[in-house]
Amino acid sequence: MGKRRIIWSENANKKLFEILEYYAQRNKSKIYSIKLYNRIRNELLLLAKQPEIGIKTEIEDVRGLIVDDYLLFYEFDGKSIIVHTLWDCRQNPEDLKIK
């Protein structure tokens, strides 16, 4: 099997940027943001090799991968992994919109 492509939805990309920017502003340093980004990237590389490691959700074909305090919601087919959103688990779950 060839390498799976990782595709970030517009919403997921926006959430990632907001999270990283929040920590950079709060900490007055980008060090933690870089560490968090690298952690997410490494988990996605593992996910590309083993896409079924995420937790099944109520939405058909959508899984969730726990990365520290975040849930990365995605789905996959034979060629790609589509990241739908990145969710901070400390937020109100009623506000969660995956797709």
Protein backbone atom coordinates (compact mmCIF):
# COMPACT_ATOMS: atom_id res chain seq x y z
CA MET A 1 0.00 0.00 0.00
CA GLY A 2 1.27 3.46 -0.91
CA LYS A 3 1.42 6.33 1.50
CA ARG A 4 -1.94 7.87 2.39
CA ARG A 5 -2.40 11.58 1.86
CA ILE A 6 -3.52 13.69 4.80
CA ILE A 7 -6.08 16.31 3.82
CA TRP A 8 -7.08 19.04 6.27
CA SER A 9 -10.56 20.50 5.84
CA GLU A 10 -10.86 24.26 5.97
CA ASN A 11 -12.49 23.99 9.40
CA ALA A 12 -9.76 21.71 10.78
CA ASN A 13 -7.03 23.97 9.44
CA LYS A 14 -8.69 26.99 11.03
CA LYS A 15 -9.06 25.22 14.40
CA LEU A 16 -5.42 24.13 14.35
CA PHE A 17 -4.26 27.68 13.63
CA GLU A 18 -6.50 29.11 16.39
CA ILE A 19 -5.18 26.62 18.95
CA LEU A 20 -1.53 27.21 18.08
CA GLU A 21 -2.02 30.99 18.00
CA TYR A 22 -3.81 30.90 21.38
CA TYR A 23 -0.86 29.19 23.08
CA ALA A 24 1.67 31.45 21.38
CA GLN A 25 -0.19 34.53 22.65
CA ARG A 26 -0.90 33.14 26.12
CA ASN A 27 2.64 31.91 26.70
CA LYS A 28 4.31 34.83 24.88
CA SER A 29 6.36 32.15 23.14
CA LYS A 30 5.89 29.73 20.26
CA ILE A 31 7.72 26.88 21.98
CA TYR A 32 4.61 25.06 23.24
CA SER A 33 2.76 25.67 19.98
CA ILE A 34 5.62 24.07 18.05
CA LYS A 35 5.67 21.08 20.42
CA LEU A 36 1.90 20.64 20.09
CA TYR A 37 2.05 20.95 16.31
CA ASN A 38 4.82 18.32 16.16
CA ARG A 39 2.82 16.01 18.43
CA ILE A 40 -0.24 16.33 16.17
CA ARG A 41 1.90 15.81 13.07
CA ASN A 42 3.52 12.68 14.54
CA GLU A 43 0.12 11.24 15.46
CA LEU A 44 -1.08 11.88 11.90
CA LEU A 45 1.96 10.05 10.51
CA LEU A 46 1.05 7.07 12.70
CA LEU A 47 -2.57 7.41 11.62
CA ALA A 48 -1.51 7.32 7.96
CA LYS A 49 0.04 3.90 8.62
CA GLN A 50 -2.76 2.57 10.84
CA PRO A 51 -5.95 4.54 10.10
CA GLU A 52 -8.21 2.33 12.19
CA ILE A 53 -6.54 3.22 15.53
CA GLY A 54 -9.00 6.05 16.16
CA ILE A 55 -12.16 5.63 18.21
CA LYS A 56 -15.36 5.04 16.24
CA THR A 57 -17.94 7.81 16.55
CA GLU A 58 -21.70 7.93 16.05
CA ILE A 59 -21.09 9.37 12.59
CA GLU A 60 -20.53 6.65 10.03
CA ASP A 61 -16.90 6.40 8.83
CA VAL A 62 -15.71 9.16 11.21
CA ARG A 63 -13.20 8.32 13.93
CA GLY A 64 -11.57 10.31 16.70
CA LEU A 65 -7.91 10.26 17.66
CA ILE A 66 -6.89 11.54 21.10
CA VAL A 67 -3.90 13.89 21.02
CA ASP A 68 -3.24 15.31 24.50
CA ASP A 69 -6.32 17.44 25.36
CA TYR A 70 -7.66 17.30 21.82
CA LEU A 71 -9.71 14.97 19.67
CA LEU A 72 -8.83 14.90 16.00
CA PHE A 73 -11.90 13.80 14.00
CA TYR A 74 -11.16 12.18 10.66
CA GLU A 75 -12.28 9.66 8.11
CA PHE A 76 -10.26 7.60 5.68
CA ASP A 77 -10.49 5.67 2.48
CA GLY A 78 -7.79 3.64 0.79
CA LYS A 79 -5.85 6.70 -0.42
CA SER A 80 -6.38 9.54 2.02
CA ILE A 81 -7.20 10.65 5.54
CA ILE A 82 -9.51 13.64 5.79
CA VAL A 83 -9.20 15.64 9.02
CA HIS A 84 -12.59 17.23 9.71
CA THR A 85 -11.88 19.10 12.92
CA LEU A 86 -9.68 19.36 15.96
CA TRP A 87 -11.65 19.58 19.21
CA ASP A 88 -10.48 20.76 22.62
CA CYS A 89 -11.98 18.19 25.00
CA ARG A 90 -12.31 20.84 27.72
CA GLN A 91 -15.04 22.64 25.76
CA ASN A 92 -18.78 22.09 25.94
CA PRO A 93 -19.51 18.96 23.86
CA GLU A 94 -22.83 20.44 22.76
CA ASP A 95 -20.87 22.96 20.65
CA LEU A 96 -19.04 20.25 18.71
CA LYS A 97 -19.62 20.21 14.94
CA ILE A 98 -17.57 17.54 13.19
CA LYS A 99 -18.62 17.98 9.57
